[in-house]
Amino acid sequence: MGLFDARLSSKGSAILLLLAALVLLRPWETWDELWRDEPPVSAVAYVTRAVDGDTIEVRLGGDEEDVRYIGVDTPETVKPDTPVQCFGPQASEFNHSLVEHRRVRLVFGVERRDVYGRLLAYVYLGDRFVNAELIRRGLARTLTIPPNDRFAGRLKRLEKAAARAGRGLWGAC
């Protein structure tokens, strides 16, 4: 193969690579258009507010979304017609201090939304698995609702360890 043939082959490969990238990345579609069809398996979002111990409000692709943590249930603090529950304020405060006004990675469940329209997700702050951290510290109980049960075993083990150690709500309530 001569020098001319090698350049032509190299240019052809570059063009083919560029076309493949265009097809895969679809730059002509906005995030909102892609989101409406099928949300991605995970996404980075900015937490605008921690509602309570297991729910956050995020900015995602230009939209505001409520996100409910999968696999955990913290004591109530803001539920209408429900008194504030034991260790609820501590769980809520921890969630506020951990994720509020920070970027998090949301890993969506098989079932993407609950009956209230909230996104359902496992939440990560860097390498920290927020859902697991709440359980480990005794700030939440496990709540397994299939088909969103990917980490149910891991969360249950963390719950048992927190209960045995009397951490958080397990020692106070």
N, C-alpha and C. Protein backbone atom coordinates (compact mmCIF):
# COMPACT_ATOMS: atom_id res chain seq x y z
N MET A 1 0.85 -1.16 0.00
CA MET A 1 0.00 0.00 0.00
C MET A 1 0.90 1.23 0.00
N GLY A 2 0.64 2.17 -0.91
CA GLY A 2 1.44 3.39 -1.01
C GLY A 2 0.99 4.42 0.02
N LEU A 3 1.75 5.51 0.08
CA LEU A 3 1.46 6.60 1.00
C LEU A 3 0.08 7.18 0.74
N PHE A 4 -0.31 7.34 -0.53
CA PHE A 4 -1.60 7.90 -0.88
C PHE A 4 -2.73 6.99 -0.37
N ASP A 5 -2.56 5.67 -0.54
CA ASP A 5 -3.59 4.72 -0.09
C ASP A 5 -3.74 4.76 1.43
N ALA A 6 -2.65 4.89 2.16
CA ALA A 6 -2.70 4.93 3.63
C ALA A 6 -3.44 6.17 4.10
N ARG A 7 -3.18 7.35 3.44
CA ARG A 7 -3.89 8.58 3.82
C ARG A 7 -5.38 8.46 3.54
N LEU A 8 -5.75 7.89 2.40
CA LEU A 8 -7.14 7.71 2.04
C LEU A 8 -7.84 6.79 3.03
N SER A 9 -7.18 5.70 3.41
CA SER A 9 -7.74 4.76 4.38
C SER A 9 -7.91 5.43 5.74
N SER A 10 -6.94 6.24 6.13
CA SER A 10 -7.00 6.95 7.41
C SER A 10 -8.15 7.96 7.41
N LYS A 11 -8.32 8.70 6.32
CA LYS A 11 -9.42 9.66 6.22
C LYS A 11 -10.77 8.94 6.25
N GLY A 12 -10.85 7.82 5.57
CA GLY A 12 -12.10 7.04 5.56
C GLY A 12 -12.46 6.54 6.95
N SER A 13 -11.47 6.10 7.70
CA SER A 13 -11.70 5.64 9.08
C SER A 13 -12.17 6.78 9.97
N ALA A 14 -11.55 7.96 9.79
CA ALA A 14 -11.93 9.13 10.59
C ALA A 14 -13.37 9.54 10.28
N ILE A 15 -13.75 9.53 9.02
CA ILE A 15 -15.11 9.89 8.62
C ILE A 15 -16.10 8.88 9.18
N LEU A 16 -15.77 7.60 9.09
CA LEU A 16 -16.64 6.56 9.63
C LEU A 16 -16.82 6.71 11.13
N LEU A 17 -15.73 7.03 11.84
CA LEU A 17 -15.79 7.23 13.29
C LEU A 17 -16.66 8.44 13.62
N LEU A 18 -16.53 9.52 12.87
CA LEU A 18 -17.33 10.72 13.09
C LEU A 18 -18.82 10.42 12.85
N LEU A 19 -19.14 9.70 11.80
CA LEU A 19 -20.53 9.34 11.53
C LEU A 19 -21.11 8.47 12.64
N ALA A 20 -20.32 7.52 13.13
CA ALA A 20 -20.78 6.66 14.22
C ALA A 20 -21.05 7.49 15.48
N ALA A 21 -20.16 8.44 15.78
CA ALA A 21 -20.35 9.31 16.96
C ALA A 21 -21.61 10.14 16.80
N LEU A 22 -21.87 10.67 15.63
CA LEU A 22 -23.08 11.46 15.41
C LEU A 22 -24.34 10.64 15.62
N VAL A 23 -24.33 9.42 15.11
CA VAL A 23 -25.50 8.56 15.27
C VAL A 23 -25.72 8.20 16.74
N LEU A 24 -24.65 7.89 17.46
CA LEU A 24 -24.78 7.51 18.87
C LEU A 24 -25.12 8.68 19.77
N LEU A 25 -24.51 9.84 19.56
CA LEU A 25 -24.69 10.99 20.45
C LEU A 25 -25.93 11.82 20.11
N ARG A 26 -26.40 11.74 18.90
CA ARG A 26 -27.59 12.46 18.43
C ARG A 26 -27.61 13.91 18.90
N PRO A 27 -26.62 14.71 18.50
CA PRO A 27 -26.55 16.09 18.97
C PRO A 27 -27.73 16.94 18.54
N TRP A 28 -28.49 16.50 17.57
CA TRP A 28 -29.65 17.27 17.12
C TRP A 28 -30.83 17.12 18.08
N GLU A 29 -30.76 16.17 19.04
CA GLU A 29 -31.83 16.01 20.02
C GLU A 29 -31.41 16.64 21.33
N THR A 30 -32.33 17.31 21.99
CA THR A 30 -32.03 17.90 23.29
C THR A 30 -32.21 16.85 24.37
N TRP A 31 -31.67 17.17 25.57
CA TRP A 31 -31.84 16.27 26.72
C TRP A 31 -33.32 16.02 26.98
N ASP A 32 -34.13 17.08 26.90
CA ASP A 32 -35.55 16.95 27.18
C ASP A 32 -36.23 15.98 26.22
N GLU A 33 -35.86 16.03 24.93
CA GLU A 33 -36.45 15.11 23.97
C GLU A 33 -36.07 13.67 24.29
N LEU A 34 -34.80 13.45 24.63
CA LEU A 34 -34.35 12.10 24.98
C LEU A 34 -35.03 11.61 26.26
N TRP A 35 -35.16 12.52 27.25
CA TRP A 35 -35.73 12.17 28.55
C TRP A 35 -37.17 11.73 28.42
N ARG A 36 -37.94 12.38 27.56
CA ARG A 36 -39.36 12.08 27.43
C ARG A 36 -39.59 10.68 26.87
N ASP A 37 -38.67 10.22 26.02
CA ASP A 37 -38.83 8.88 25.46
C ASP A 37 -38.57 7.81 26.51
N GLU A 38 -37.40 7.83 27.08
CA GLU A 38 -37.01 6.83 28.08
C GLU A 38 -35.87 7.39 28.89
N PRO A 39 -36.05 7.57 30.19
CA PRO A 39 -34.95 8.12 30.97
C PRO A 39 -33.74 7.19 30.94
N PRO A 40 -32.55 7.75 31.06
CA PRO A 40 -31.35 6.92 31.06
C PRO A 40 -31.29 6.08 32.34
N VAL A 41 -30.39 5.12 32.34
CA VAL A 41 -30.20 4.27 33.51
C VAL A 41 -29.68 5.10 34.68
N SER A 42 -28.85 6.09 34.39
CA SER A 42 -28.36 6.98 35.44
C SER A 42 -28.20 8.39 34.86
N ALA A 43 -28.14 9.35 35.76
CA ALA A 43 -27.97 10.74 35.34
C ALA A 43 -27.38 11.53 36.49
N VAL A 44 -26.69 12.59 36.15
CA VAL A 44 -26.17 13.51 37.16
C VAL A 44 -27.19 14.62 37.33
N ALA A 45 -27.48 14.96 38.59
CA ALA A 45 -28.46 16.00 38.88
C ALA A 45 -27.94 16.89 39.99
N TYR A 46 -28.48 18.09 40.05
CA TYR A 46 -28.14 19.05 41.09
C TYR A 46 -29.27 19.06 42.12
N VAL A 47 -28.93 18.82 43.38
CA VAL A 47 -29.94 18.79 44.44
C VAL A 47 -30.26 20.22 44.85
N THR A 48 -31.48 20.64 44.57
CA THR A 48 -31.90 22.00 44.94
C THR A 48 -32.42 22.04 46.37
N ARG A 49 -32.94 20.89 46.86
CA ARG A 49 -33.48 20.86 48.21
C ARG A 49 -33.63 19.42 48.68
N ALA A 50 -33.28 19.18 49.93
CA ALA A 50 -33.60 17.91 50.57
C ALA A 50 -34.94 18.12 51.26
N VAL A 51 -35.94 17.38 50.85
CA VAL A 51 -37.29 17.54 51.39
C VAL A 51 -37.36 16.97 52.80
N ASP A 52 -36.81 15.78 52.95
CA ASP A 52 -36.75 15.10 54.25
C ASP A 52 -35.62 14.09 54.19
N GLY A 53 -35.69 13.03 54.96
CA GLY A 53 -34.60 12.07 55.00
C GLY A 53 -34.45 11.19 53.78
N ASP A 54 -35.53 11.00 53.02
CA ASP A 54 -35.46 10.07 51.88
C ASP A 54 -36.01 10.62 50.58
N THR A 55 -36.18 11.93 50.50
CA THR A 55 -36.70 12.57 49.29
C THR A 55 -35.94 13.86 49.04
N ILE A 56 -35.59 14.07 47.77
CA ILE A 56 -34.89 15.29 47.38
C ILE A 56 -35.57 15.90 46.16
N GLU A 57 -35.34 17.18 45.95
CA GLU A 57 -35.73 17.85 44.72
C GLU A 57 -34.45 18.13 43.95
N VAL A 58 -34.48 17.83 42.65
CA VAL A 58 -33.27 18.00 41.83
C VAL A 58 -33.58 18.76 40.56
N ARG A 59 -32.54 19.35 40.00
CA ARG A 59 -32.60 19.93 38.66
C ARG A 59 -31.96 18.90 37.74
N LEU A 60 -32.74 18.46 36.77
CA LEU A 60 -32.30 17.39 35.88
C LEU A 60 -32.70 17.75 34.45
N GLY A 61 -31.71 18.03 33.62
CA GLY A 61 -32.00 18.34 32.23
C GLY A 61 -32.91 19.54 32.06
N GLY A 62 -32.79 20.53 32.93
CA GLY A 62 -33.61 21.72 32.83
C GLY A 62 -34.94 21.63 33.55
N ASP A 63 -35.28 20.45 34.04
CA ASP A 63 -36.55 20.25 34.75
C ASP A 63 -36.29 20.06 36.23
N GLU A 64 -37.29 20.42 37.05
CA GLU A 64 -37.26 20.11 38.48
C GLU A 64 -37.98 18.79 38.68
N GLU A 65 -37.36 17.89 39.43
CA GLU A 65 -37.94 16.57 39.68
C GLU A 65 -37.84 16.26 41.17
N ASP A 66 -38.85 15.58 41.70
CA ASP A 66 -38.78 15.01 43.04
C ASP A 66 -38.20 13.60 42.89
N VAL A 67 -37.29 13.25 43.78
CA VAL A 67 -36.65 11.93 43.74
C VAL A 67 -36.82 11.27 45.10
N ARG A 68 -37.36 10.05 45.09
CA ARG A 68 -37.51 9.25 46.30
C ARG A 68 -36.43 8.19 46.28
N TYR A 69 -35.68 8.09 47.39
CA TYR A 69 -34.62 7.10 47.49
C TYR A 69 -35.22 5.69 47.48
N ILE A 70 -34.61 4.81 46.71
CA ILE A 70 -35.06 3.42 46.66
C ILE A 70 -34.50 2.65 47.86
N GLY A 71 -35.33 1.80 48.44
CA GLY A 71 -34.87 0.84 49.44
C GLY A 71 -34.78 1.34 50.86
N VAL A 72 -35.10 2.61 51.09
CA VAL A 72 -35.00 3.17 52.44
C VAL A 72 -36.28 3.90 52.81
N ASP A 73 -36.53 3.96 54.11
CA ASP A 73 -37.67 4.71 54.62
C ASP A 73 -37.23 5.38 55.91
N THR A 74 -37.15 6.70 55.88
CA THR A 74 -36.77 7.44 57.09
C THR A 74 -38.04 7.85 57.83
N PRO A 75 -37.93 8.08 59.13
CA PRO A 75 -39.09 8.53 59.89
C PRO A 75 -39.63 9.85 59.33
N GLU A 76 -40.93 10.02 59.39
CA GLU A 76 -41.60 11.17 58.79
C GLU A 76 -41.30 12.48 59.52
N THR A 77 -41.18 13.55 58.72
CA THR A 77 -41.04 14.90 59.29
C THR A 77 -41.95 15.91 58.60
N VAL A 78 -42.35 15.65 57.36
CA VAL A 78 -43.13 16.63 56.60
C VAL A 78 -44.42 16.07 56.01
N LYS A 79 -44.75 14.84 56.29
CA LYS A 79 -45.96 14.24 55.71
C LYS A 79 -47.20 14.89 56.31
N PRO A 80 -48.10 15.40 55.47
CA PRO A 80 -49.31 16.04 55.99
C PRO A 80 -50.11 15.10 56.90
N ASP A 81 -50.67 15.66 57.95
CA ASP A 81 -51.52 14.94 58.90
C ASP A 81 -50.80 13.80 59.62
N THR A 82 -49.46 13.84 59.64
CA THR A 82 -48.66 12.83 60.33
C THR A 82 -47.71 13.55 61.29
N PRO A 83 -47.71 13.15 62.56
CA PRO A 83 -46.78 13.80 63.49
C PRO A 83 -45.33 13.47 63.13
N VAL A 84 -44.45 14.35 63.54
CA VAL A 84 -43.02 14.11 63.34
C VAL A 84 -42.66 12.86 64.13
N GLN A 85 -41.98 11.91 63.46
CA GLN A 85 -41.67 10.63 64.08
C GLN A 85 -40.28 10.63 64.71
N CYS A 86 -40.10 9.71 65.64
CA CYS A 86 -38.85 9.57 66.36
C CYS A 86 -37.68 9.40 65.38
N PHE A 87 -36.69 10.23 65.54
CA PHE A 87 -35.44 10.27 64.77
C PHE A 87 -35.63 10.82 63.36
N GLY A 88 -36.83 11.29 63.03
CA GLY A 88 -37.07 11.91 61.73
C GLY A 88 -36.26 13.18 61.53
N PRO A 89 -36.24 14.09 62.52
CA PRO A 89 -35.45 15.31 62.33
C PRO A 89 -33.96 15.03 62.10
N GLN A 90 -33.41 14.04 62.79
CA GLN A 90 -31.99 13.72 62.62
C GLN A 90 -31.73 13.17 61.20
N ALA A 91 -32.63 12.31 60.73
CA ALA A 91 -32.47 11.75 59.38
C ALA A 91 -32.58 12.85 58.33
N SER A 92 -33.53 13.75 58.52
CA SER A 92 -33.72 14.85 57.59
C SER A 92 -32.51 15.78 57.59
N GLU A 93 -32.01 16.11 58.76
CA GLU A 93 -30.85 17.00 58.87
C GLU A 93 -29.61 16.38 58.22
N PHE A 94 -29.42 15.08 58.42
CA PHE A 94 -28.28 14.41 57.81
C PHE A 94 -28.37 14.48 56.28
N ASN A 95 -29.55 14.20 55.75
CA ASN A 95 -29.74 14.24 54.31
C ASN A 95 -29.51 15.66 53.77
N HIS A 96 -30.05 16.66 54.46
CA HIS A 96 -29.82 18.06 54.07
C HIS A 96 -28.32 18.35 54.00
N SER A 97 -27.60 18.03 55.07
CA SER A 97 -26.18 18.38 55.14
C SER A 97 -25.34 17.58 54.15
N LEU A 98 -25.78 16.39 53.80
CA LEU A 98 -25.00 15.54 52.89
C LEU A 98 -25.18 15.93 51.43
N VAL A 99 -26.43 16.13 50.97
CA VAL A 99 -26.64 16.25 49.52
C VAL A 99 -27.15 17.61 49.03
N GLU A 100 -27.70 18.42 49.92
CA GLU A 100 -28.30 19.66 49.45
C GLU A 100 -27.27 20.58 48.80
N HIS A 101 -27.64 21.13 47.63
CA HIS A 101 -26.79 22.04 46.85
C HIS A 101 -25.51 21.36 46.35
N ARG A 102 -25.64 20.07 46.05
CA ARG A 102 -24.51 19.31 45.50
C ARG A 102 -24.98 18.52 44.27
N ARG A 103 -24.02 18.13 43.48
CA ARG A 103 -24.31 17.25 42.33
C ARG A 103 -24.27 15.81 42.80
N VAL A 104 -25.27 15.05 42.40
CA VAL A 104 -25.35 13.64 42.75
C VAL A 104 -25.58 12.84 41.48
N ARG A 105 -25.28 11.56 41.58
CA ARG A 105 -25.59 10.65 40.47
C ARG A 105 -26.80 9.84 40.88
N LEU A 106 -27.81 9.84 40.04
CA LEU A 106 -29.03 9.07 40.27
C LEU A 106 -28.96 7.81 39.42
N VAL A 107 -29.14 6.66 40.05
CA VAL A 107 -29.22 5.40 39.32
C VAL A 107 -30.67 4.94 39.47
N PHE A 108 -31.37 4.93 38.36
CA PHE A 108 -32.80 4.69 38.41
C PHE A 108 -33.14 3.22 38.59
N GLY A 109 -34.28 2.98 39.20
CA GLY A 109 -34.77 1.63 39.40
C GLY A 109 -35.44 1.10 38.15
N VAL A 110 -35.79 -0.18 38.19
CA VAL A 110 -36.52 -0.79 37.08
C VAL A 110 -37.84 -0.05 36.88
N GLU A 111 -38.52 0.20 37.98
CA GLU A 111 -39.71 1.04 37.97
C GLU A 111 -39.23 2.46 38.22
N ARG A 112 -39.44 3.36 37.27
CA ARG A 112 -38.83 4.68 37.30
C ARG A 112 -39.55 5.68 38.19
N ARG A 113 -40.86 5.51 38.39
CA ARG A 113 -41.63 6.48 39.17
C ARG A 113 -42.57 5.77 40.13
N ASP A 114 -42.86 6.45 41.25
CA ASP A 114 -43.82 5.90 42.20
C ASP A 114 -45.21 6.45 41.90
N VAL A 115 -46.19 6.09 42.72
CA VAL A 115 -47.57 6.50 42.48
C VAL A 115 -47.76 8.01 42.60
N TYR A 116 -46.81 8.70 43.23
CA TYR A 116 -46.88 10.16 43.37
C TYR A 116 -46.15 10.88 42.24
N GLY A 117 -45.59 10.13 41.29
CA GLY A 117 -44.88 10.72 40.17
C GLY A 117 -43.42 11.04 40.44
N ARG A 118 -42.92 10.67 41.61
CA ARG A 118 -41.52 10.94 41.93
C ARG A 118 -40.62 9.94 41.21
N LEU A 119 -39.45 10.40 40.79
CA LEU A 119 -38.45 9.48 40.26
C LEU A 119 -37.97 8.59 41.40
N LEU A 120 -37.65 7.36 41.13
CA LEU A 120 -37.12 6.43 42.12
C LEU A 120 -35.67 6.15 41.76
N ALA A 121 -34.77 6.35 42.74
CA ALA A 121 -33.35 6.22 42.41
C ALA A 121 -32.50 5.83 43.60
N TYR A 122 -31.38 5.20 43.28
CA TYR A 122 -30.27 5.04 44.21
C TYR A 122 -29.44 6.29 44.01
N VAL A 123 -29.00 6.91 45.07
CA VAL A 123 -28.33 8.21 44.99
C VAL A 123 -26.88 8.08 45.45
N TYR A 124 -25.98 8.64 44.65
CA TYR A 124 -24.55 8.60 44.96
C TYR A 124 -24.01 10.02 45.00
N LEU A 125 -23.24 10.30 46.03
CA LEU A 125 -22.49 11.54 46.15
C LEU A 125 -21.03 11.14 46.04
N GLY A 126 -20.46 11.34 44.87
CA GLY A 126 -19.12 10.79 44.62
C GLY A 126 -19.22 9.27 44.70
N ASP A 127 -18.39 8.66 45.55
CA ASP A 127 -18.44 7.21 45.74
C ASP A 127 -19.37 6.80 46.87
N ARG A 128 -19.93 7.74 47.59
CA ARG A 128 -20.82 7.43 48.72
C ARG A 128 -22.20 7.05 48.23
N PHE A 129 -22.65 5.90 48.64
CA PHE A 129 -23.99 5.39 48.33
C PHE A 129 -24.91 5.93 49.43
N VAL A 130 -25.62 7.01 49.13
CA VAL A 130 -26.41 7.73 50.13
C VAL A 130 -27.47 6.84 50.77
N ASN A 131 -28.17 6.05 49.97
CA ASN A 131 -29.21 5.16 50.50
C ASN A 131 -28.62 4.25 51.58
N ALA A 132 -27.48 3.65 51.28
CA ALA A 132 -26.83 2.74 52.22
C ALA A 132 -26.32 3.49 53.45
N GLU A 133 -25.84 4.70 53.26
CA GLU A 133 -25.32 5.49 54.38
C GLU A 133 -26.42 5.80 55.40
N LEU A 134 -27.61 6.09 54.92
CA LEU A 134 -28.75 6.34 55.82
C LEU A 134 -29.06 5.11 56.66
N ILE A 135 -29.06 3.95 56.04
CA ILE A 135 -29.33 2.69 56.75
C ILE A 135 -28.20 2.39 57.73
N ARG A 136 -26.96 2.50 57.27
CA ARG A 136 -25.79 2.17 58.09
C ARG A 136 -25.75 3.00 59.37
N ARG A 137 -26.13 4.26 59.27
CA ARG A 137 -26.11 5.15 60.43
C ARG A 137 -27.34 5.01 61.33
N GLY A 138 -28.28 4.15 60.94
CA GLY A 138 -29.49 3.99 61.74
C GLY A 138 -30.47 5.13 61.57
N LEU A 139 -30.41 5.81 60.44
CA LEU A 139 -31.31 6.93 60.17
C LEU A 139 -32.52 6.51 59.35
N ALA A 140 -32.53 5.25 58.89
CA ALA A 140 -33.62 4.75 58.06
C ALA A 140 -33.76 3.24 58.25
N ARG A 141 -34.94 2.78 57.93
CA ARG A 141 -35.22 1.34 57.85
C ARG A 141 -35.23 0.95 56.38
N THR A 142 -35.08 -0.33 56.11
CA THR A 142 -35.18 -0.78 54.72
C THR A 142 -36.64 -0.79 54.31
N LEU A 143 -36.85 -0.56 53.03
CA LEU A 143 -38.19 -0.62 52.43
C LEU A 143 -38.01 -1.20 51.04
N THR A 144 -38.33 -2.48 50.90
CA THR A 144 -38.12 -3.16 49.63
C THR A 144 -39.45 -3.27 48.89
N ILE A 145 -39.47 -2.68 47.69
CA ILE A 145 -40.66 -2.75 46.84
C ILE A 145 -40.21 -3.23 45.46
N PRO A 146 -40.43 -4.54 45.18
CA PRO A 146 -40.06 -5.05 43.86
C PRO A 146 -40.81 -4.27 42.77
N PRO A 147 -40.23 -4.11 41.62
CA PRO A 147 -39.00 -4.71 41.13
C PRO A 147 -37.73 -3.94 41.49
N ASN A 148 -37.86 -2.86 42.28
CA ASN A 148 -36.69 -2.06 42.65
C ASN A 148 -36.02 -2.64 43.90
N ASP A 149 -35.40 -3.78 43.72
CA ASP A 149 -34.82 -4.50 44.87
C ASP A 149 -33.38 -4.91 44.63
N ARG A 150 -32.72 -4.20 43.74
CA ARG A 150 -31.33 -4.55 43.36
C ARG A 150 -30.39 -4.65 44.56
N PHE A 151 -30.50 -3.74 45.53
CA PHE A 151 -29.60 -3.72 46.67
C PHE A 151 -30.29 -4.12 47.97
N ALA A 152 -31.42 -4.79 47.87
CA ALA A 152 -32.20 -5.13 49.07
C ALA A 152 -31.39 -5.95 50.07
N GLY A 153 -30.65 -6.93 49.61
CA GLY A 153 -29.85 -7.77 50.51
C GLY A 153 -28.79 -6.96 51.23
N ARG A 154 -28.10 -6.13 50.51
CA ARG A 154 -27.04 -5.29 51.10
C ARG A 154 -27.63 -4.32 52.13
N LEU A 155 -28.74 -3.69 51.78
CA LEU A 155 -29.37 -2.73 52.70
C LEU A 155 -29.89 -3.44 53.95
N LYS A 156 -30.43 -4.63 53.79
CA LYS A 156 -30.95 -5.39 54.94
C LYS A 156 -29.80 -5.77 55.89
N ARG A 157 -28.64 -6.15 55.34
CA ARG A 157 -27.48 -6.47 56.18
C ARG A 157 -27.02 -5.24 56.97
N LEU A 158 -27.01 -4.09 56.31
CA LEU A 158 -26.63 -2.85 56.99
C LEU A 158 -27.63 -2.49 58.08
N GLU A 159 -28.91 -2.73 57.82
CA GLU A 159 -29.95 -2.46 58.82
C GLU A 159 -29.77 -3.35 60.04
N LYS A 160 -29.52 -4.61 59.84
CA LYS A 160 -29.31 -5.54 60.96
C LYS A 160 -28.11 -5.13 61.80
N ALA A 161 -27.03 -4.71 61.15
CA ALA A 161 -25.84 -4.29 61.88
C ALA A 161 -26.12 -3.01 62.68
N ALA A 162 -26.84 -2.07 62.09
CA ALA A 162 -27.19 -0.83 62.80
C ALA A 162 -28.08 -1.13 64.00
N ALA A 163 -29.04 -2.03 63.82
CA ALA A 163 -29.95 -2.39 64.92
C ALA A 163 -29.18 -3.07 66.05
N ARG A 164 -28.29 -4.02 65.70
CA ARG A 164 -27.49 -4.71 66.73
C ARG A 164 -26.63 -3.73 67.51
N ALA A 165 -26.10 -2.72 66.82
CA ALA A 165 -25.23 -1.74 67.46
C ALA A 165 -26.01 -0.62 68.16
N GLY A 166 -27.33 -0.60 67.97
CA GLY A 166 -28.16 0.43 68.60
C GLY A 166 -27.91 1.82 68.02
N ARG A 167 -27.51 1.86 66.75
CA ARG A 167 -27.24 3.16 66.12
C ARG A 167 -28.53 3.88 65.74
N GLY A 168 -28.51 5.21 65.88
CA GLY A 168 -29.61 6.04 65.40
C GLY A 168 -30.94 5.68 66.00
N LEU A 169 -31.93 5.50 65.14
CA LEU A 169 -33.29 5.22 65.60
C LEU A 169 -33.37 3.90 66.37
N TRP A 170 -32.46 2.99 66.12
CA TRP A 170 -32.49 1.68 66.79
C TRP A 170 -32.16 1.81 68.28
N GLY A 171 -31.45 2.85 68.65
CA GLY A 171 -31.13 3.06 70.08
C GLY A 171 -32.01 4.11 70.73
N ALA A 172 -32.74 4.86 69.90
CA ALA A 172 -33.52 5.98 70.44
C ALA A 172 -35.02 5.79 70.41
N CYS A 173 -35.50 4.93 69.55
CA CYS A 173 -36.96 4.86 69.35
C CYS A 173 -37.55 3.52 69.81
